[in-house]
Amino acid sequence: LNYTVEIYSTQCLYFNEEIEDFRSDGCQPGPLTNTSLSHCRCDHLTAFGSGFQFFIAPNKLNILKAFQTLNFKENPVVLIALSVVVGIYLLTVIWARRKDRQDSKKVGATIIRGDQNGFNDHFYQIIVLTGSRSQASTSARVFLTLIGEGGKSGPHELEDNNRTIFREGGVDTFILPTSRHLGSLYAVHVWHDNTGPCPSWFLDKIILQDLSDGKKYSFLCQRWLAVEEGDGRVDCLLSSATDKQISTLSQVFSSQTSKAFNDGHLWCSVVGRPAYSPFTRVQRVSCCLSLLLCTMVTNIMFFGREADFSKPPPVDILG
């Protein structure tokens, strides 16, 4: 015996003029409802309508059998497409693995030299964010001075002998010991010595945290520290940003857009993945491959199914 199974759902709706929307309260499908007839039973006199939703069953797939019978003469396009996809995946994984190893060296805080006078028993965490635009990195030596209500620190060089810092789109973390507590920080003086082959530097912002009381301070820059860019200066005095400045539309849009593309977007984040993210590039590439193959399988499941279904006849509404 051959059986044909059709799965559908139907709903009776009326238009509520007060809220200008279709609602279903007071109306329900009747027992005479079928694929060509909608029977609605309502307890009020209003303009109503009905609609159907059909479930289209996918094609039957036997993946194991498909691979067993797969040969180049009958399906050359399929084999070539799969070979190209797998080849690109393997090459991308090799590249992604190298980048992951490089990123692992960028993670972690670097302890820099503290004040030369006195015992350094106060610590500040300094997070420096370099811009993501082209050639934003710098080869120059970068210096910084903290200014607070209790005084200011001496000039400190932000350096790391084990890794390259201040790269394009980079996030570098430092721990600065000081001989005294500087109180609430309200300014930061940052500059570089304009040395090296590419001294120009686009500084996005600096985030400071007083590790003794946990207070955080943001210092927005978003400008070039370069002789040939902007105002030609290689130093700037940054004031602590207020909550209103941090929450402006331009700041929120810029930070959220950058985060969405570099870390949130599966395909774009393969290239722009932040070094501190636990989701590695190799994992992202593998997820991209899985998503691509699942999409291909889904297309195969429903390819050509519309030819098996005829257009349903017009629906008659019984009052």
C-alpha atoms as a PDB file:
ATOM      1  CA  LEU A   1       0.000   0.000   0.000  1.00  0.00           C
ATOM      2  CA  ASN A   2       1.191   3.497  -0.830  1.00  0.00           C
ATOM      3  CA  TYR A   3       0.420   6.272   1.605  1.00  0.00           C
ATOM      4  CA  THR A   4       0.665  10.013   1.136  1.00  0.00           C
ATOM      5  CA  VAL A   5       1.124  11.969   4.351  1.00  0.00           C
ATOM      6  CA  GLU A   6       0.552  15.722   4.459  1.00  0.00           C
ATOM      7  CA  ILE A   7       1.238  17.745   7.575  1.00  0.00           C
ATOM      8  CA  TYR A   8      -0.382  21.145   7.837  1.00  0.00           C
ATOM      9  CA  SER A   9      -1.599  23.570  10.463  1.00  0.00           C
ATOM     10  CA  THR A  10      -4.467  26.039  10.199  1.00  0.00           C
ATOM     11  CA  GLN A  11      -5.563  29.015  12.231  1.00  0.00           C
ATOM     12  CA  CYS A  12      -8.624  31.266  12.265  1.00  0.00           C
ATOM     13  CA  LEU A  13      -7.978  34.956  12.810  1.00  0.00           C
ATOM     14  CA  TYR A  14     -10.063  38.102  12.956  1.00  0.00           C
ATOM     15  CA  PHE A  15      -8.946  41.695  12.570  1.00  0.00           C
ATOM     16  CA  ASN A  16      -9.143  43.694  15.799  1.00  0.00           C
ATOM     17  CA  GLU A  17      -9.769  47.287  14.738  1.00  0.00           C
ATOM     18  CA  GLU A  18      -8.825  48.705  18.159  1.00  0.00           C
ATOM     19  CA  ILE A  19      -5.260  47.390  18.141  1.00  0.00           C
ATOM     20  CA  GLU A  20      -5.100  47.082  14.324  1.00  0.00           C
ATOM     21  CA  ASP A  21      -3.848  43.528  14.400  1.00  0.00           C
ATOM     22  CA  PHE A  22      -5.081  39.999  13.730  1.00  0.00           C
ATOM     23  CA  ARG A  23      -6.106  38.000  16.819  1.00  0.00           C
ATOM     24  CA  SER A  24      -7.346  34.451  17.330  1.00  0.00           C
ATOM     25  CA  ASP A  25      -9.383  34.739  20.545  1.00  0.00           C
ATOM     26  CA  GLY A  26     -12.990  33.658  20.029  1.00  0.00           C
ATOM     27  CA  CYS A  27     -12.203  31.785  16.786  1.00  0.00           C
ATOM     28  CA  GLN A  28     -11.064  28.236  16.284  1.00  0.00           C
ATOM     29  CA  PRO A  29     -10.877  25.804  13.333  1.00  0.00           C
ATOM     30  CA  GLY A  30     -13.912  23.582  12.897  1.00  0.00           C
ATOM     31  CA  PRO A  31     -14.071  19.826  12.210  1.00  0.00           C
ATOM     32  CA  LEU A  32     -14.707  20.345   8.477  1.00  0.00           C
ATOM     33  CA  THR A  33     -11.269  21.868   7.930  1.00  0.00           C
ATOM     34  CA  ASN A  34      -9.063  20.151   5.338  1.00  0.00           C
ATOM     35  CA  THR A  35      -6.373  21.132   2.836  1.00  0.00           C
ATOM     36  CA  SER A  36      -8.892  22.820   0.528  1.00  0.00           C
ATOM     37  CA  LEU A  37     -11.484  24.051   3.011  1.00  0.00           C
ATOM     38  CA  SER A  38     -11.121  26.178   6.114  1.00  0.00           C
ATOM     39  CA  HIS A  39     -13.959  25.821   8.613  1.00  0.00           C
ATOM     40  CA  CYS A  40     -13.886  28.524  11.303  1.00  0.00           C
ATOM     41  CA  ARG A  41     -16.173  28.713  14.335  1.00  0.00           C
ATOM     42  CA  CYS A  42     -16.305  32.172  15.938  1.00  0.00           C
ATOM     43  CA  ASP A  43     -18.421  33.521  18.800  1.00  0.00           C
ATOM     44  CA  HIS A  44     -18.463  37.105  17.477  1.00  0.00           C
ATOM     45  CA  LEU A  45     -19.291  38.851  14.202  1.00  0.00           C
ATOM     46  CA  THR A  46     -16.097  40.275  12.783  1.00  0.00           C
ATOM     47  CA  ALA A  47     -14.131  40.152   9.585  1.00  0.00           C
ATOM     48  CA  PHE A  48     -11.994  37.031   9.790  1.00  0.00           C
ATOM     49  CA  GLY A  49      -9.750  34.896   7.615  1.00  0.00           C
ATOM     50  CA  SER A  50      -7.787  31.681   7.664  1.00  0.00           C
ATOM     51  CA  GLY A  51      -4.479  30.374   6.376  1.00  0.00           C
ATOM     52  CA  PHE A  52      -2.518  27.148   6.039  1.00  0.00           C
ATOM     53  CA  GLN A  53       1.069  26.245   6.758  1.00  0.00           C
ATOM     54  CA  PHE A  54       2.326  23.107   5.036  1.00  0.00           C
ATOM     55  CA  PHE A  55       5.342  21.057   6.049  1.00  0.00           C
ATOM     56  CA  ILE A  56       7.371  19.944   3.052  1.00  0.00           C
ATOM     57  CA  ALA A  57       9.171  16.707   3.806  1.00  0.00           C
ATOM     58  CA  PRO A  58      12.833  16.671   2.736  1.00  0.00           C
ATOM     59  CA  ASN A  59      14.419  14.250   0.314  1.00  0.00           C
ATOM     60  CA  LYS A  60      15.592  10.964   1.765  1.00  0.00           C
ATOM     61  CA  LEU A  61      19.338  11.038   2.273  1.00  0.00           C
ATOM     62  CA  ASN A  62      21.673   8.146   2.942  1.00  0.00           C
ATOM     63  CA  ILE A  63      25.069   9.758   3.376  1.00  0.00           C
ATOM     64  CA  LEU A  64      26.937   6.449   3.732  1.00  0.00           C
ATOM     65  CA  LYS A  65      25.375   5.027   0.569  1.00  0.00           C
ATOM     66  CA  ALA A  66      26.019   8.255  -1.309  1.00  0.00           C
ATOM     67  CA  PHE A  67      29.741   8.112  -0.550  1.00  0.00           C
ATOM     68  CA  GLN A  68      29.933   4.406  -1.386  1.00  0.00           C
ATOM     69  CA  THR A  69      28.455   4.953  -4.852  1.00  0.00           C
ATOM     70  CA  LEU A  70      30.249   8.236  -5.501  1.00  0.00           C
ATOM     71  CA  ASN A  71      32.617   8.156  -8.479  1.00  0.00           C
ATOM     72  CA  PHE A  72      34.314  10.767 -10.606  1.00  0.00           C
ATOM     73  CA  LYS A  73      32.683   9.788 -13.911  1.00  0.00           C
ATOM     74  CA  GLU A  74      29.112  10.192 -12.674  1.00  0.00           C
ATOM     75  CA  ASN A  75      29.610  13.121 -10.281  1.00  0.00           C
ATOM     76  CA  PRO A  76      32.753  15.066 -11.231  1.00  0.00           C
ATOM     77  CA  VAL A  77      31.364  18.405 -10.044  1.00  0.00           C
ATOM     78  CA  VAL A  78      30.591  17.066  -6.564  1.00  0.00           C
ATOM     79  CA  LEU A  79      34.038  15.548  -6.102  1.00  0.00           C
ATOM     80  CA  ILE A  80      35.812  18.626  -7.424  1.00  0.00           C
ATOM     81  CA  ALA A  81      33.745  20.929  -5.180  1.00  0.00           C
ATOM     82  CA  LEU A  82      34.418  18.823  -2.077  1.00  0.00           C
ATOM     83  CA  SER A  83      38.125  18.587  -2.890  1.00  0.00           C
ATOM     84  CA  VAL A  84      38.390  22.356  -3.309  1.00  0.00           C
ATOM     85  CA  VAL A  85      36.510  23.029  -0.056  1.00  0.00           C
ATOM     86  CA  VAL A  86      38.622  20.567   1.948  1.00  0.00           C
ATOM     87  CA  GLY A  87      41.836  21.870   0.357  1.00  0.00           C
ATOM     88  CA  ILE A  88      41.004  25.476   1.220  1.00  0.00           C
ATOM     89  CA  TYR A  89      40.078  24.386   4.739  1.00  0.00           C
ATOM     90  CA  LEU A  90      43.409  22.603   5.312  1.00  0.00           C
ATOM     91  CA  LEU A  91      45.426  25.560   4.035  1.00  0.00           C
ATOM     92  CA  THR A  92      43.393  27.964   6.169  1.00  0.00           C
ATOM     93  CA  VAL A  93      43.853  25.777   9.262  1.00  0.00           C
ATOM     94  CA  ILE A  94      47.637  25.839   8.806  1.00  0.00           C
ATOM     95  CA  TRP A  95      47.575  29.638   8.571  1.00  0.00           C
ATOM     96  CA  ALA A  96      45.141  29.937  11.501  1.00  0.00           C
ATOM     97  CA  ARG A  97      47.302  27.700  13.690  1.00  0.00           C
ATOM     98  CA  ARG A  98      50.321  29.927  13.107  1.00  0.00           C
ATOM     99  CA  LYS A  99      48.300  33.036  13.928  1.00  0.00           C
ATOM    100  CA  ASP A 100      46.962  31.389  17.110  1.00  0.00           C
ATOM    101  CA  ARG A 101      50.515  30.723  18.251  1.00  0.00           C
ATOM    102  CA  GLN A 102      51.415  34.343  17.601  1.00  0.00           C
ATOM    103  CA  ASP A 103      48.313  35.530  19.461  1.00  0.00           C
ATOM    104  CA  SER A 104      49.137  33.373  22.491  1.00  0.00           C
ATOM    105  CA  LYS A 105      52.347  35.364  22.938  1.00  0.00           C
ATOM    106  CA  LYS A 106      50.400  38.629  22.999  1.00  0.00           C
ATOM    107  CA  VAL A 107      48.216  37.635  25.948  1.00  0.00           C
ATOM    108  CA  GLY A 108      49.259  38.510  29.484  1.00  0.00           C
ATOM    109  CA  ALA A 109      50.425  41.521  31.456  1.00  0.00           C
ATOM    110  CA  THR A 110      53.965  42.901  31.371  1.00  0.00           C
ATOM    111  CA  ILE A 111      55.441  44.326  34.569  1.00  0.00           C
ATOM    112  CA  ILE A 112      57.365  47.484  33.787  1.00  0.00           C
ATOM    113  CA  ARG A 113      59.927  49.295  35.900  1.00  0.00           C
ATOM    114  CA  GLY A 114      58.416  51.346  38.687  1.00  0.00           C
ATOM    115  CA  ASP A 115      59.556  54.525  40.403  1.00  0.00           C
ATOM    116  CA  GLN A 116      63.244  54.593  41.240  1.00  0.00           C
ATOM    117  CA  ASN A 117      62.728  56.396  44.535  1.00  0.00           C
ATOM    118  CA  GLY A 118      61.102  54.549  47.416  1.00  0.00           C
ATOM    119  CA  PHE A 119      59.441  51.161  47.764  1.00  0.00           C
ATOM    120  CA  ASN A 120      56.935  50.410  45.013  1.00  0.00           C
ATOM    121  CA  ASP A 121      53.918  48.979  46.814  1.00  0.00           C
ATOM    122  CA  HIS A 122      51.079  50.461  44.743  1.00  0.00           C
ATOM    123  CA  PHE A 123      50.121  48.931  41.405  1.00  0.00           C
ATOM    124  CA  TYR A 124      48.183  50.142  38.378  1.00  0.00           C
ATOM    125  CA  GLN A 125      47.024  48.069  35.425  1.00  0.00           C
ATOM    126  CA  ILE A 126      47.456  49.855  32.100  1.00  0.00           C
ATOM    127  CA  ILE A 127      45.623  48.596  29.002  1.00  0.00           C
ATOM    128  CA  VAL A 128      46.666  50.297  25.761  1.00  0.00           C
ATOM    129  CA  LEU A 129      44.474  49.831  22.681  1.00  0.00           C
ATOM    130  CA  THR A 130      46.014  50.577  19.297  1.00  0.00           C
ATOM    131  CA  GLY A 131      43.672  51.501  16.456  1.00  0.00           C
ATOM    132  CA  SER A 132      42.613  48.968  13.822  1.00  0.00           C
ATOM    133  CA  ARG A 133      43.201  51.206  10.822  1.00  0.00           C
ATOM    134  CA  SER A 134      46.002  50.622   8.331  1.00  0.00           C
ATOM    135  CA  GLN A 135      49.572  51.268   9.593  1.00  0.00           C
ATOM    136  CA  ALA A 136      48.319  52.168  13.066  1.00  0.00           C
ATOM    137  CA  SER A 137      51.186  50.313  14.788  1.00  0.00           C
ATOM    138  CA  THR A 138      54.397  51.993  15.919  1.00  0.00           C
ATOM    139  CA  SER A 139      58.052  51.075  16.157  1.00  0.00           C
ATOM    140  CA  ALA A 140      58.838  53.962  18.509  1.00  0.00           C
ATOM    141  CA  ARG A 141      59.419  53.801  22.261  1.00  0.00           C
ATOM    142  CA  VAL A 142      56.264  54.789  24.146  1.00  0.00           C
ATOM    143  CA  PHE A 143      56.292  56.594  27.493  1.00  0.00           C
ATOM    144  CA  LEU A 144      53.549  57.424  29.965  1.00  0.00           C
ATOM    145  CA  THR A 145      52.985  59.494  33.103  1.00  0.00           C
ATOM    146  CA  LEU A 146      50.018  59.103  35.448  1.00  0.00           C
ATOM    147  CA  ILE A 147      48.511  62.233  36.992  1.00  0.00           C
ATOM    148  CA  GLY A 148      46.205  62.023  39.994  1.00  0.00           C
ATOM    149  CA  GLU A 149      44.883  64.069  42.883  1.00  0.00           C
ATOM    150  CA  GLY A 150      47.718  62.791  45.086  1.00  0.00           C
ATOM    151  CA  GLY A 151      50.476  63.714  42.639  1.00  0.00           C
ATOM    152  CA  LYS A 152      51.942  62.193  39.512  1.00  0.00           C
ATOM    153  CA  SER A 153      54.244  59.350  38.705  1.00  0.00           C
ATOM    154  CA  GLY A 154      57.522  59.636  36.911  1.00  0.00           C
ATOM    155  CA  PRO A 155      57.818  58.894  33.193  1.00  0.00           C
ATOM    156  CA  HIS A 156      57.674  55.160  32.509  1.00  0.00           C
ATOM    157  CA  GLU A 157      58.504  53.385  29.286  1.00  0.00           C
ATOM    158  CA  LEU A 158      55.938  50.831  28.164  1.00  0.00           C
ATOM    159  CA  GLU A 159      58.199  48.067  26.905  1.00  0.00           C
ATOM    160  CA  ASP A 160      58.326  44.307  26.544  1.00  0.00           C
ATOM    161  CA  ASN A 161      61.532  42.515  25.594  1.00  0.00           C
ATOM    162  CA  ASN A 162      59.791  39.222  24.788  1.00  0.00           C
ATOM    163  CA  ARG A 163      57.148  40.280  22.283  1.00  0.00           C
ATOM    164  CA  THR A 164      56.181  42.972  19.816  1.00  0.00           C
ATOM    165  CA  ILE A 165      53.734  45.484  21.240  1.00  0.00           C
ATOM    166  CA  PHE A 166      51.568  48.311  19.907  1.00  0.00           C
ATOM    167  CA  ARG A 167      50.607  46.436  16.757  1.00  0.00           C
ATOM    168  CA  GLU A 168      47.634  47.287  14.555  1.00  0.00           C
ATOM    169  CA  GLY A 169      44.417  46.483  16.482  1.00  0.00           C
ATOM    170  CA  GLY A 170      46.467  45.217  19.438  1.00  0.00           C
ATOM    171  CA  VAL A 171      45.556  45.245  23.123  1.00  0.00           C
ATOM    172  CA  ASP A 172      48.636  45.466  25.372  1.00  0.00           C
ATOM    173  CA  THR A 173      48.481  45.156  29.156  1.00  0.00           C
ATOM    174  CA  PHE A 174      51.080  46.448  31.610  1.00  0.00           C
ATOM    175  CA  ILE A 175      51.453  46.499  35.394  1.00  0.00           C
ATOM    176  CA  LEU A 176      53.003  49.701  36.737  1.00  0.00           C
ATOM    177  CA  PRO A 177      54.352  49.765  40.331  1.00  0.00           C
ATOM    178  CA  THR A 178      54.531  53.179  42.022  1.00  0.00           C
ATOM    179  CA  SER A 179      56.056  54.314  45.290  1.00  0.00           C
ATOM    180  CA  ARG A 180      52.858  56.048  46.445  1.00  0.00           C
ATOM    181  CA  HIS A 181      49.153  56.087  45.845  1.00  0.00           C
ATOM    182  CA  LEU A 182      48.206  58.771  43.337  1.00  0.00           C
ATOM    183  CA  GLY A 183      44.571  59.050  44.402  1.00  0.00           C
ATOM    184  CA  SER A 184      41.864  59.487  41.789  1.00  0.00           C
ATOM    185  CA  LEU A 185      43.449  59.688  38.342  1.00  0.00           C
ATOM    186  CA  TYR A 186      42.284  62.522  36.132  1.00  0.00           C
ATOM    187  CA  ALA A 187      44.897  62.682  33.352  1.00  0.00           C
ATOM    188  CA  VAL A 188      47.531  60.691  31.501  1.00  0.00           C
ATOM    189  CA  HIS A 189      50.442  62.104  29.535  1.00  0.00           C
ATOM    190  CA  VAL A 190      51.544  59.744  26.753  1.00  0.00           C
ATOM    191  CA  TRP A 191      54.190  60.238  24.060  1.00  0.00           C
ATOM    192  CA  HIS A 192      56.769  58.414  21.945  1.00  0.00           C
ATOM    193  CA  ASP A 193      60.306  59.234  20.749  1.00  0.00           C
ATOM    194  CA  ASN A 194      59.492  59.011  17.014  1.00  0.00           C
ATOM    195  CA  THR A 195      62.172  56.388  16.316  1.00  0.00           C
ATOM    196  CA  GLY A 196      62.245  53.267  14.179  1.00  0.00           C
ATOM    197  CA  PRO A 197      61.112  52.618  10.610  1.00  0.00           C
ATOM    198  CA  CYS A 198      57.387  53.243  11.313  1.00  0.00           C
ATOM    199  CA  PRO A 199      57.046  55.577  14.307  1.00  0.00           C
ATOM    200  CA  SER A 200      53.551  56.873  13.484  1.00  0.00           C
ATOM    201  CA  TRP A 201      51.012  55.556  15.984  1.00  0.00           C
ATOM    202  CA  PHE A 202      47.221  55.719  16.107  1.00  0.00           C
ATOM    203  CA  LEU A 203      46.238  55.440  19.764  1.00  0.00           C
ATOM    204  CA  ASP A 204      42.628  54.430  20.349  1.00  0.00           C
ATOM    205  CA  LYS A 205      42.357  54.656  24.124  1.00  0.00           C
ATOM    206  CA  ILE A 206      43.984  53.784  27.437  1.00  0.00           C
ATOM    207  CA  ILE A 207      42.187  52.022  30.288  1.00  0.00           C
ATOM    208  CA  LEU A 208      43.680  52.275  33.776  1.00  0.00           C
ATOM    209  CA  GLN A 209      42.728  50.329  36.880  1.00  0.00           C
ATOM    210  CA  ASP A 210      43.922  51.071  40.385  1.00  0.00           C
ATOM    211  CA  LEU A 211      44.575  47.575  41.731  1.00  0.00           C
ATOM    212  CA  SER A 212      44.370  48.770  45.334  1.00  0.00           C
ATOM    213  CA  ASP A 213      40.726  49.897  45.182  1.00  0.00           C
ATOM    214  CA  GLY A 214      39.580  48.468  41.812  1.00  0.00           C
ATOM    215  CA  LYS A 215      38.611  51.821  40.267  1.00  0.00           C
ATOM    216  CA  LYS A 216      38.773  52.018  36.477  1.00  0.00           C
ATOM    217  CA  TYR A 217      39.510  55.077  34.365  1.00  0.00           C
ATOM    218  CA  SER A 218      39.135  55.475  30.600  1.00  0.00           C
ATOM    219  CA  PHE A 219      41.193  57.936  28.572  1.00  0.00           C
ATOM    220  CA  LEU A 220      39.956  58.397  25.007  1.00  0.00           C
ATOM    221  CA  CYS A 221      42.450  59.443  22.353  1.00  0.00           C
ATOM    222  CA  GLN A 222      41.435  58.221  18.865  1.00  0.00           C
ATOM    223  CA  ARG A 223      44.052  60.289  17.077  1.00  0.00           C
ATOM    224  CA  TRP A 224      47.452  59.986  15.456  1.00  0.00           C
ATOM    225  CA  LEU A 225      50.628  60.576  17.397  1.00  0.00           C
ATOM    226  CA  ALA A 226      52.764  61.270  14.359  1.00  0.00           C
ATOM    227  CA  VAL A 227      54.766  64.036  12.744  1.00  0.00           C
ATOM    228  CA  GLU A 228      53.168  63.541   9.320  1.00  0.00           C
ATOM    229  CA  GLU A 229      49.587  62.984  10.537  1.00  0.00           C
ATOM    230  CA  GLY A 230      47.009  65.187  12.267  1.00  0.00           C
ATOM    231  CA  ASP A 231      48.514  68.135  14.139  1.00  0.00           C
ATOM    232  CA  GLY A 232      52.052  66.744  13.844  1.00  0.00           C
ATOM    233  CA  ARG A 233      52.469  66.117  17.582  1.00  0.00           C
ATOM    234  CA  VAL A 234      53.818  62.889  19.078  1.00  0.00           C
ATOM    235  CA  ASP A 235      52.454  63.495  22.582  1.00  0.00           C
ATOM    236  CA  CYS A 236      49.061  64.184  24.113  1.00  0.00           C
ATOM    237  CA  LEU A 237      47.523  64.864  27.503  1.00  0.00           C
ATOM    238  CA  LEU A 238      44.395  62.751  27.952  1.00  0.00           C
ATOM    239  CA  SER A 239      41.721  63.589  30.518  1.00  0.00           C
ATOM    240  CA  SER A 240      39.659  60.923  32.241  1.00  0.00           C
ATOM    241  CA  ALA A 241      36.486  60.318  30.242  1.00  0.00           C
ATOM    242  CA  THR A 242      33.112  60.764  31.901  1.00  0.00           C
ATOM    243  CA  ASP A 243      30.268  58.263  31.643  1.00  0.00           C
ATOM    244  CA  LYS A 244      28.520  60.607  29.214  1.00  0.00           C
ATOM    245  CA  GLN A 245      31.555  60.714  26.919  1.00  0.00           C
ATOM    246  CA  ILE A 246      31.930  56.929  26.966  1.00  0.00           C
ATOM    247  CA  SER A 247      28.241  56.346  26.212  1.00  0.00           C
ATOM    248  CA  THR A 248      27.949  58.731  23.257  1.00  0.00           C
ATOM    249  CA  LEU A 249      26.481  57.317  20.058  1.00  0.00           C
ATOM    250  CA  SER A 250      29.757  57.547  18.146  1.00  0.00           C
ATOM    251  CA  GLN A 251      31.722  55.773  20.889  1.00  0.00           C
ATOM    252  CA  VAL A 252      29.185  52.995  21.367  1.00  0.00           C
ATOM    253  CA  PHE A 253      28.706  52.503  17.628  1.00  0.00           C
ATOM    254  CA  SER A 254      32.447  52.388  16.964  1.00  0.00           C
ATOM    255  CA  SER A 255      33.249  49.956  19.783  1.00  0.00           C
ATOM    256  CA  GLN A 256      30.268  47.677  19.169  1.00  0.00           C
ATOM    257  CA  THR A 257      30.831  47.572  15.408  1.00  0.00           C
ATOM    258  CA  SER A 258      34.492  46.708  15.849  1.00  0.00           C
ATOM    259  CA  LYS A 259      33.675  44.020  18.402  1.00  0.00           C
ATOM    260  CA  ALA A 260      30.881  42.572  16.269  1.00  0.00           C
ATOM    261  CA  PHE A 261      33.077  42.152  13.194  1.00  0.00           C
ATOM    262  CA  ASN A 262      36.323  41.146  14.902  1.00  0.00           C
ATOM    263  CA  ASP A 263      34.896  38.760  17.486  1.00  0.00           C
ATOM    264  CA  GLY A 264      31.177  38.228  16.865  1.00  0.00           C
ATOM    265  CA  HIS A 265      30.987  37.629  13.107  1.00  0.00           C
ATOM    266  CA  LEU A 266      32.000  34.018  12.438  1.00  0.00           C
ATOM    267  CA  TRP A 267      33.549  34.582   9.007  1.00  0.00           C
ATOM    268  CA  CYS A 268      35.150  37.993   9.556  1.00  0.00           C
ATOM    269  CA  SER A 269      36.552  37.015  12.960  1.00  0.00           C
ATOM    270  CA  VAL A 270      38.782  34.384  11.354  1.00  0.00           C
ATOM    271  CA  VAL A 271      40.998  37.295  10.301  1.00  0.00           C
ATOM    272  CA  GLY A 272      40.181  39.890  12.965  1.00  0.00           C
ATOM    273  CA  ARG A 273      39.970  37.646  16.043  1.00  0.00           C
ATOM    274  CA  PRO A 274      41.229  39.426  19.220  1.00  0.00           C
ATOM    275  CA  ALA A 275      44.245  37.792  20.840  1.00  0.00           C
ATOM    276  CA  TYR A 276      42.492  37.541  24.221  1.00  0.00           C
ATOM    277  CA  SER A 277      39.482  35.622  22.872  1.00  0.00           C
ATOM    278  CA  PRO A 278      39.297  31.946  23.979  1.00  0.00           C
ATOM    279  CA  PHE A 279      37.637  31.091  20.641  1.00  0.00           C
ATOM    280  CA  THR A 280      40.693  30.345  18.491  1.00  0.00           C
ATOM    281  CA  ARG A 281      41.066  30.900  14.764  1.00  0.00           C
ATOM    282  CA  VAL A 282      41.306  27.156  14.103  1.00  0.00           C
ATOM    283  CA  GLN A 283      37.997  26.636  15.900  1.00  0.00           C
ATOM    284  CA  ARG A 284      36.384  29.458  13.931  1.00  0.00           C
ATOM    285  CA  VAL A 285      37.604  28.021  10.615  1.00  0.00           C
ATOM    286  CA  SER A 286      36.251  24.587  11.577  1.00  0.00           C
ATOM    287  CA  CYS A 287      32.882  26.133  12.463  1.00  0.00           C
ATOM    288  CA  CYS A 288      32.819  27.885   9.081  1.00  0.00           C
ATOM    289  CA  LEU A 289      33.417  24.550   7.352  1.00  0.00           C
ATOM    290  CA  SER A 290      30.671  22.876   9.395  1.00  0.00           C
ATOM    291  CA  LEU A 291      28.236  25.683   8.594  1.00  0.00           C
ATOM    292  CA  LEU A 292      29.070  25.481   4.886  1.00  0.00           C
ATOM    293  CA  LEU A 293      28.642  21.694   4.732  1.00  0.00           C
ATOM    294  CA  CYS A 294      25.382  21.826   6.717  1.00  0.00           C
ATOM    295  CA  THR A 295      24.054  24.444   4.302  1.00  0.00           C
ATOM    296  CA  MET A 296      24.988  22.247   1.349  1.00  0.00           C
ATOM    297  CA  VAL A 297      23.264  19.208   2.911  1.00  0.00           C
ATOM    298  CA  THR A 298      20.147  21.267   3.639  1.00  0.00           C
ATOM    299  CA  ASN A 299      19.994  22.413   0.022  1.00  0.00           C
ATOM    300  CA  ILE A 300      20.251  18.790  -1.116  1.00  0.00           C
ATOM    301  CA  MET A 301      17.433  17.780   1.243  1.00  0.00           C
ATOM    302  CA  PHE A 302      14.954  20.235  -0.268  1.00  0.00           C
ATOM    303  CA  PHE A 303      16.282  20.538  -3.829  1.00  0.00           C
ATOM    304  CA  GLY A 304      13.499  19.914  -6.353  1.00  0.00           C
ATOM    305  CA  ARG A 305      10.795  19.254  -3.741  1.00  0.00           C
ATOM    306  CA  GLU A 306       8.519  21.942  -5.180  1.00  0.00           C
ATOM    307  CA  ALA A 307       7.922  19.738  -8.234  1.00  0.00           C
ATOM    308  CA  ASP A 308       6.260  17.099  -6.037  1.00  0.00           C
ATOM    309  CA  PHE A 309       3.553  19.466  -4.805  1.00  0.00           C
ATOM    310  CA  SER A 310       0.779  20.971  -6.877  1.00  0.00           C
ATOM    311  CA  LYS A 311      -0.618  24.378  -6.160  1.00  0.00           C
ATOM    312  CA  PRO A 312      -3.501  24.031  -3.673  1.00  0.00           C
ATOM    313  CA  PRO A 313      -6.950  25.151  -4.809  1.00  0.00           C
ATOM    314  CA  PRO A 314      -8.417  28.428  -3.557  1.00  0.00           C
ATOM    315  CA  VAL A 315      -9.590  28.319   0.049  1.00  0.00           C
ATOM    316  CA  ASP A 316     -13.327  28.700   0.584  1.00  0.00           C
ATOM    317  CA  ILE A 317     -14.443  30.511   3.716  1.00  0.00           C
ATOM    318  CA  LEU A 318     -17.720  29.381   5.287  1.00  0.00           C
ATOM    319  CA  GLY A 319     -19.550  31.919   7.438  1.00  0.00           C
END
